[in-house]
C-alpha cells in the first residue's frame, strides 16, 4: 500500500489506484467524465493546492529562481499548517497504510511543483510513499 506522486494527465501506472488531483482548477474544456478518462484525476481535492494568492504571487518565477522557490515553499507549508489542511494530510497518510492511490498536479517539473512539497508533508506524517 502506498501513495504515488504523479503528473496529472500522464499515463497511469499499474496498481496506481485512485488518482487525486491537488490542483486549484480542473483542466479546461473537459467534462468530468473526460477528466478521468484522459488520466487527469478521479477525485478533485483543491484544498491541497496552493492558494490562488500564492499561485499569483510567484509560482511562475519560482520555476527558475531559487529564492522565489524557497519563499513559495515556505508559504505553501504555512498554508498546509492550517488545522483543516493538517487533517487532510493526516487522512491521506493514514489511507496510504491501507490502500494504493496517487496525488498529483499538472506541472512538468516535480522539483519545482507543490507536489514535491506535498510529498514531503505526507512523509513527515508517516505516509507510505511508492
Foldseek 3Di string as FASTA:
>chain_A
DAEEEDAFLDDDDPQQPFEEECAQDQDPPDDLVVSVVSRGGPHYDPLLADDPVLCVVDLVVLVPDVVNLVVSLVVSVVSCPDPVNVVVLLVQQVVQVPGHHYYYYNDPDPVSHCSVSSVVSSVVNNRHHD
